[in-house]
């Protein structure tokens, strides 16, 4: 792999990690009720950088300095790290488009989604952190993350990238993985709606909901909580189905099996963390870990989907191929 591609992938990796931290910090903000600790946007109480001394001049603040810092650091990472890095990567990918067009396409999509994300962030604040705006904001953030992952994976051609495997897999696998990824995204969004509505403990036991397989759904909070559990269960079963499919094809497609082994392992951890959220009465660290694990499951599915998309026959080489040993170069008219 060329040094320039390695550098591009290294910077993209930094952007991916920063975006993941940003999403997990969003869960911390929800768990600590810090979502409106900076009530204006893009400033925070009229300041670009709030300090204890500056905040002391503002009357009637109902939040601690720590809560304000959670929200401000979230904005800082988004505006000073993720935003500029995504812009740089998109421009960088456009410069390299003659060698490989795919990172440029992912870069343009990431940049467009990031602009939408900034608008959604402002809307979330102006809409007083309504549950629907929080869920949409979180969902779009994960789409940004998916595009950054797409840039990273597609930057290396299949033969050069340690991530990309090229064994033939049934065409239906792409559609199946895509559908399950959408299901995982919906589950995470429903979890954000549940948490923001204060329904995290509407079902106080696990795996049953207060001793019932299907609880009475006349209470909106119980209905919201139970919907999230149903989506999570269906997602887990769908991933299990993909895992079993990959196991059956592991001899001719070991890469698909490796990807699904990783994903099913993350799902097992996520189930344990989800149970801990209930058993431990939603401490901040479990809420943040639960969301972080959910994002990792989705990211793993995205990587698998990219591997399927960039499998055999999908590479776009530039220039004439080198002949194999003992093989003549084909004529121009061949």
Protein backbone atom coordinates (compact mmCIF):
# COMPACT_ATOMS: atom_id res chain seq x y z
CA UNK A 1 0.00 0.00 0.00
CA UNK A 2 1.30 3.45 -0.90
CA UNK A 3 2.51 5.69 1.98
CA UNK A 4 -0.06 8.32 0.96
CA UNK A 5 -2.87 5.77 1.32
CA UNK A 6 -1.55 4.68 4.70
CA UNK A 7 -1.51 8.31 5.88
CA UNK A 8 -5.03 8.85 4.55
CA UNK A 9 -6.29 5.78 6.37
CA UNK A 10 -4.51 6.85 9.58
CA UNK A 11 -6.20 10.27 9.56
CA UNK A 12 -9.53 8.62 8.71
CA UNK A 13 -9.03 6.29 11.67
CA UNK A 14 -8.58 9.30 13.95
CA UNK A 15 -11.82 10.80 12.62
CA UNK A 16 -13.63 7.49 13.21
CA UNK A 17 -12.43 7.29 16.81
CA UNK A 18 -13.33 10.94 17.46
CA UNK A 19 -16.83 10.40 16.05
CA UNK A 20 -17.30 7.29 18.19
CA UNK A 21 -16.22 9.23 21.31
CA UNK A 22 -18.65 11.99 20.32
CA UNK A 23 -21.56 9.52 20.12
CA UNK A 24 -20.71 7.92 23.47
CA UNK A 25 -20.39 11.35 25.08
CA UNK A 26 -23.90 12.05 23.82
CA UNK A 27 -25.09 9.10 25.93
CA UNK A 28 -23.31 10.56 28.97
CA UNK A 29 -25.06 13.88 28.35
CA UNK A 30 -28.45 12.15 28.26
CA UNK A 31 -27.72 10.06 31.35
CA UNK A 32 -26.65 13.14 33.34
CA UNK A 33 -29.53 15.33 32.05
CA UNK A 34 -27.00 17.76 30.60
CA UNK A 35 -28.61 18.20 27.20
CA UNK A 36 -29.76 21.78 27.90
CA UNK A 37 -26.81 22.79 30.07
CA UNK A 38 -25.81 25.07 27.16
CA UNK A 39 -29.22 26.55 26.29
CA UNK A 40 -28.03 28.57 23.29
CA UNK A 41 -26.18 27.56 20.14
CA UNK A 42 -23.46 27.81 18.89
CA UNK A 43 -22.49 29.76 22.02
CA UNK A 44 -22.90 28.51 25.58
CA UNK A 45 -24.56 31.18 27.75
CA UNK A 46 -23.19 33.68 25.24
CA UNK A 47 -19.59 32.45 25.62
CA UNK A 48 -17.45 30.51 23.18
CA UNK A 49 -15.53 28.99 26.10
CA UNK A 50 -17.49 28.91 29.37
CA UNK A 51 -15.38 28.97 32.52
CA UNK A 52 -16.48 28.90 36.18
CA UNK A 53 -15.74 32.62 36.46
CA UNK A 54 -17.78 33.47 33.36
CA UNK A 55 -20.68 31.24 34.38
CA UNK A 56 -20.73 32.88 37.83
CA UNK A 57 -21.83 36.10 36.10
CA UNK A 58 -24.91 34.38 34.63
CA UNK A 59 -27.88 34.29 37.04
CA UNK A 60 -30.21 31.33 37.38
CA UNK A 61 -28.05 28.50 35.97
CA UNK A 62 -29.55 25.19 37.13
CA UNK A 63 -26.64 23.03 35.98
CA UNK A 64 -23.27 22.23 37.48
CA UNK A 65 -20.06 23.21 35.75
CA UNK A 66 -19.45 19.51 35.00
CA UNK A 67 -22.77 19.24 33.17
CA UNK A 68 -21.95 22.36 31.16
CA UNK A 69 -18.55 20.88 30.29
CA UNK A 70 -20.11 17.65 29.04
CA UNK A 71 -22.19 19.60 26.54
CA UNK A 72 -19.41 22.05 25.64
CA UNK A 73 -16.81 19.29 25.09
CA UNK A 74 -19.36 17.49 22.91
CA UNK A 75 -19.66 20.62 20.77
CA UNK A 76 -15.89 21.14 20.79
CA UNK A 77 -15.16 17.63 19.49
CA UNK A 78 -17.82 18.03 16.81
CA UNK A 79 -16.78 21.50 15.65
CA UNK A 80 -13.02 21.50 16.16
CA UNK A 81 -12.04 17.86 15.54
CA UNK A 82 -14.64 15.85 13.61
CA UNK A 83 -15.82 18.67 11.35
CA UNK A 84 -12.41 19.89 10.12
CA UNK A 85 -11.05 16.35 9.81
CA UNK A 86 -14.01 15.31 7.67
CA UNK A 87 -13.56 18.36 5.43
CA UNK A 88 -9.83 17.65 5.06
CA UNK A 89 -10.48 13.98 4.29
CA UNK A 90 -13.15 14.80 1.70
CA UNK A 91 -10.79 17.20 -0.11
CA UNK A 92 -7.92 14.72 0.21
CA UNK A 93 -10.07 11.93 -1.23
CA UNK A 94 -11.12 14.15 -4.14
CA UNK A 95 -7.46 14.79 -4.91
CA UNK A 96 -6.88 11.00 -4.99
CA UNK A 97 -10.00 10.25 -7.03
CA UNK A 98 -8.06 9.28 -10.17
CA UNK A 99 -6.51 6.39 -8.27
CA UNK A 100 -9.65 5.38 -6.39
CA UNK A 101 -13.01 7.13 -6.69
CA UNK A 102 -14.75 5.37 -3.81
CA UNK A 103 -13.20 7.31 -0.87
CA UNK A 104 -14.16 10.55 -2.60
CA UNK A 105 -17.80 9.44 -2.89
CA UNK A 106 -17.86 8.44 0.78
CA UNK A 107 -16.11 11.70 1.69
CA UNK A 108 -18.69 13.85 -0.09
CA UNK A 109 -21.49 11.91 1.62
CA UNK A 110 -19.80 12.27 5.03
CA UNK A 111 -19.37 16.00 4.54
CA UNK A 112 -23.00 16.47 3.49
CA UNK A 113 -24.24 14.44 6.46
CA UNK A 114 -21.96 16.43 8.78
CA UNK A 115 -23.52 19.69 7.61
CA UNK A 116 -26.93 18.19 8.31
CA UNK A 117 -25.64 17.07 11.71
CA UNK A 118 -24.66 20.61 12.63
CA UNK A 119 -28.14 21.85 11.75
CA UNK A 120 -29.70 18.98 13.71
CA UNK A 121 -27.52 19.86 16.70
CA UNK A 122 -28.82 23.40 16.67
CA UNK A 123 -32.39 22.15 16.21
CA UNK A 124 -31.98 19.78 19.15
CA UNK A 125 -31.02 22.66 21.43
CA UNK A 126 -33.69 25.02 20.09
CA UNK A 127 -36.33 22.25 20.39
CA UNK A 128 -35.38 21.82 24.05
CA UNK A 129 -33.84 18.38 23.49
CA UNK A 130 -37.09 16.73 22.48
CA UNK A 131 -36.86 12.92 22.24
CA UNK A 132 -37.47 12.84 18.48
CA UNK A 133 -34.77 15.44 17.79
CA UNK A 134 -32.28 13.55 19.97
CA UNK A 135 -33.04 10.29 18.13
CA UNK A 136 -32.67 11.90 14.69
CA UNK A 137 -29.44 13.64 15.78
CA UNK A 138 -28.00 10.33 17.02
CA UNK A 139 -29.07 8.43 13.90
CA UNK A 140 -27.45 10.96 11.58
CA UNK A 141 -24.24 10.83 13.65
CA UNK A 142 -24.07 7.11 13.01
CA UNK A 143 -24.53 7.68 9.29
CA UNK A 144 -21.55 10.05 9.42
CA UNK A 145 -19.58 7.32 11.18
CA UNK A 146 -20.62 4.80 8.52
CA UNK A 147 -19.37 7.09 5.74
CA UNK A 148 -16.03 7.56 7.50
CA UNK A 149 -15.72 3.79 7.83
CA UNK A 150 -16.52 3.57 4.12
CA UNK A 151 -13.66 5.97 3.38
CA UNK A 152 -11.29 3.91 5.48
CA UNK A 153 -12.19 0.53 3.98
CA UNK A 154 -12.45 1.68 0.37
CA UNK A 155 -9.16 3.59 0.44
CA UNK A 156 -7.24 0.31 0.14
CA UNK A 157 -7.89 -1.97 -2.81
CA UNK A 158 -8.96 -5.49 -1.90
CA UNK A 159 -5.55 -6.99 -2.63
CA UNK A 160 -3.80 -4.37 -0.49
CA UNK A 161 -6.14 -3.86 2.44
CA UNK A 162 -5.78 -6.04 5.49
CA UNK A 163 -9.46 -5.40 6.24
CA UNK A 164 -10.94 -6.43 2.92
CA UNK A 165 -11.56 -10.06 2.02
CA UNK A 166 -12.47 -11.11 -1.49
CA UNK A 167 -14.06 -14.56 -1.31
CA UNK A 168 -17.31 -15.05 -3.26
CA UNK A 169 -20.43 -14.75 -1.11
CA UNK A 170 -24.04 -15.14 -2.17
CA UNK A 171 -25.53 -11.92 -3.58
CA UNK A 172 -28.35 -12.04 -1.06
CA UNK A 173 -25.85 -11.58 1.76
CA UNK A 174 -25.42 -7.92 0.84
CA UNK A 175 -29.14 -7.24 1.09
CA UNK A 176 -29.41 -9.25 4.31
CA UNK A 177 -26.53 -7.42 6.03
CA UNK A 178 -27.88 -4.06 4.83
CA UNK A 179 -31.33 -4.85 6.24
CA UNK A 180 -29.88 -5.95 9.59
CA UNK A 181 -27.74 -2.78 9.74
CA UNK A 182 -30.89 -0.67 9.29
CA UNK A 183 -32.54 -2.72 12.02
CA UNK A 184 -29.60 -2.06 14.35
CA UNK A 185 -29.78 1.66 13.58
CA UNK A 186 -33.50 1.67 14.39
CA UNK A 187 -32.81 -0.13 17.67
CA UNK A 188 -30.26 2.48 18.74
CA UNK A 189 -32.61 5.32 17.80
CA UNK A 190 -35.42 3.69 19.80
CA UNK A 191 -33.05 3.38 22.75
CA UNK A 192 -32.32 7.10 22.60
CA UNK A 193 -36.06 7.86 22.48
CA UNK A 194 -36.60 5.55 25.44
CA UNK A 195 -33.84 7.13 27.52
CA UNK A 196 -34.84 10.69 26.68
CA UNK A 197 -38.46 9.98 27.67
CA UNK A 198 -37.29 8.62 31.03
CA UNK A 199 -38.41 5.09 30.21
CA UNK A 200 -35.10 3.29 30.81
CA UNK A 201 -36.52 1.56 33.89
CA UNK A 202 -40.16 1.35 32.76
CA UNK A 203 -39.49 -2.41 32.73
CA UNK A 204 -37.63 -2.92 35.98
CA UNK A 205 -36.67 -6.58 35.41
CA UNK A 206 -34.79 -8.46 32.68
CA UNK A 207 -35.25 -10.44 30.47
CA UNK A 208 -38.98 -10.34 31.32
CA UNK A 209 -40.71 -7.00 31.72
CA UNK A 210 -41.88 -6.96 35.33
CA UNK A 211 -42.46 -10.70 35.11
CA UNK A 212 -44.41 -10.59 31.83
CA UNK A 213 -43.31 -11.78 28.41
CA UNK A 214 -45.57 -9.11 26.89
CA UNK A 215 -46.46 -6.44 29.47
CA UNK A 216 -49.61 -4.29 29.36
CA UNK A 217 -48.87 -1.59 26.79
CA UNK A 218 -51.39 1.03 27.90
CA UNK A 219 -48.59 2.91 29.70
CA UNK A 220 -46.66 4.84 26.97
CA UNK A 221 -43.35 4.50 28.83
CA UNK A 222 -43.68 0.72 29.12
CA UNK A 223 -44.69 0.54 25.46
CA UNK A 224 -41.62 2.57 24.47
CA UNK A 225 -39.29 0.47 26.60
CA UNK A 226 -40.78 -2.79 25.34
CA UNK A 227 -40.49 -1.62 21.71
CA UNK A 228 -36.77 -1.07 22.23
CA UNK A 229 -36.43 -4.56 23.73
CA UNK A 230 -38.32 -6.14 20.83
CA UNK A 231 -36.15 -4.34 18.27
CA UNK A 232 -33.03 -5.38 20.16
CA UNK A 233 -34.18 -9.00 20.30
CA UNK A 234 -35.05 -9.11 16.61
CA UNK A 235 -31.70 -7.51 15.73
CA UNK A 236 -29.82 -10.06 17.84
CA UNK A 237 -31.70 -12.97 16.25
CA UNK A 238 -31.08 -11.57 12.76
CA UNK A 239 -27.36 -11.27 13.49
CA UNK A 240 -27.40 -14.82 14.82
CA UNK A 241 -28.96 -15.89 11.51
CA UNK A 242 -26.19 -14.12 9.58
CA UNK A 243 -23.62 -15.78 11.82
CA UNK A 244 -25.03 -19.24 11.11
CA UNK A 245 -25.11 -18.44 7.39
CA UNK A 246 -21.47 -17.37 7.54
CA UNK A 247 -20.54 -20.52 9.44
CA UNK A 248 -22.03 -22.66 6.68
CA UNK A 249 -20.01 -20.84 4.02
CA UNK A 250 -16.78 -20.45 5.99
CA UNK A 251 -14.77 -22.85 3.80
CA UNK A 252 -15.25 -20.81 0.64
CA UNK A 253 -15.77 -17.44 2.36
CA UNK A 254 -13.72 -17.41 5.59
CA UNK A 255 -13.72 -13.59 5.62
CA UNK A 256 -17.50 -13.45 5.94
CA UNK A 257 -17.26 -15.93 8.82
CA UNK A 258 -14.57 -13.82 10.55
CA UNK A 259 -16.69 -10.69 10.24
CA UNK A 260 -19.76 -12.39 11.66
CA UNK A 261 -17.76 -13.98 14.50
CA UNK A 262 -16.71 -10.47 15.50
CA UNK A 263 -20.25 -9.13 15.23
CA UNK A 264 -21.88 -11.94 17.21
CA UNK A 265 -19.26 -11.46 19.94
CA UNK A 266 -20.14 -7.76 20.17
CA UNK A 267 -23.84 -8.67 20.34
CA UNK A 268 -23.19 -11.05 23.26
CA UNK A 269 -21.37 -8.27 25.13
CA UNK A 270 -24.16 -5.82 24.31
CA UNK A 271 -26.80 -8.15 25.74
CA UNK A 272 -24.82 -8.35 28.98
CA UNK A 273 -24.43 -4.59 29.18
CA UNK A 274 -28.14 -4.11 28.47
CA UNK A 275 -29.00 -6.41 31.38
CA UNK A 276 -26.56 -4.49 33.60
CA UNK A 277 -28.38 -1.24 32.77
CA UNK A 278 -31.52 -2.70 34.36
CA UNK A 279 -29.89 -4.53 37.25
CA UNK A 280 -27.73 -1.51 38.23
CA UNK A 281 -30.54 1.03 37.77
CA UNK A 282 -28.94 2.90 34.84
CA UNK A 283 -25.70 4.36 36.19
CA UNK A 284 -23.98 6.73 33.78
CA UNK A 285 -21.19 4.32 32.84
CA UNK A 286 -23.58 1.52 31.86
CA UNK A 287 -25.72 3.88 29.78
CA UNK A 288 -22.66 5.15 27.92
CA UNK A 289 -21.24 1.64 27.48
CA UNK A 290 -24.59 0.34 26.24
CA UNK A 291 -24.79 2.98 23.54
CA UNK A 292 -21.12 2.54 22.67
CA UNK A 293 -21.55 -1.22 22.25
CA UNK A 294 -24.61 -0.65 20.07
CA UNK A 295 -22.60 1.64 17.82
CA UNK A 296 -19.82 -0.96 17.61
CA UNK A 297 -22.32 -3.62 16.54
CA UNK A 298 -23.62 -1.30 13.82
CA UNK A 299 -20.07 -0.40 12.76
CA UNK A 300 -19.19 -4.09 12.51
CA UNK A 301 -22.18 -4.65 10.23
CA UNK A 302 -21.14 -1.67 8.11
CA UNK A 303 -17.64 -3.10 7.71
CA UNK A 304 -19.13 -6.46 6.71
CA UNK A 305 -21.39 -4.77 4.17
CA UNK A 306 -18.42 -2.90 2.70
CA UNK A 307 -16.45 -6.12 2.48
CA UNK A 308 -19.33 -7.71 0.61
CA UNK A 309 -19.66 -4.70 -1.69
CA UNK A 310 -15.94 -4.61 -2.47
CA UNK A 311 -15.60 -8.34 -3.01
CA UNK A 312 -14.38 -10.11 -6.15
CA UNK A 313 -15.06 -8.36 -9.40
CA UNK A 314 -15.80 -5.00 -7.77
CA UNK A 315 -12.31 -3.51 -7.73
CA UNK A 316 -11.67 -0.64 -10.14
CA UNK A 317 -7.97 -0.95 -11.07
CA UNK A 318 -6.27 1.85 -12.95
CA UNK A 319 -3.83 1.09 -15.74
CA UNK A 320 -3.07 -2.18 -17.50
CA UNK A 321 -2.65 -5.30 -15.34
CA UNK A 322 0.75 -6.90 -15.02
CA UNK A 323 1.04 -10.25 -16.84
CA UNK A 324 1.55 -13.36 -14.74
CA UNK A 325 4.89 -15.15 -14.92
CA UNK A 326 5.26 -16.85 -18.30
CA UNK A 327 2.18 -15.13 -19.71
CA UNK A 328 2.37 -12.70 -22.64
CA UNK A 329 0.81 -9.27 -22.46
CA UNK A 330 -2.46 -9.27 -24.46
CA UNK A 331 -2.52 -7.31 -27.68
CA UNK A 332 -4.17 -3.91 -27.70
CA UNK A 333 -7.00 -5.09 -29.87
CA UNK A 334 -7.73 -8.16 -27.72
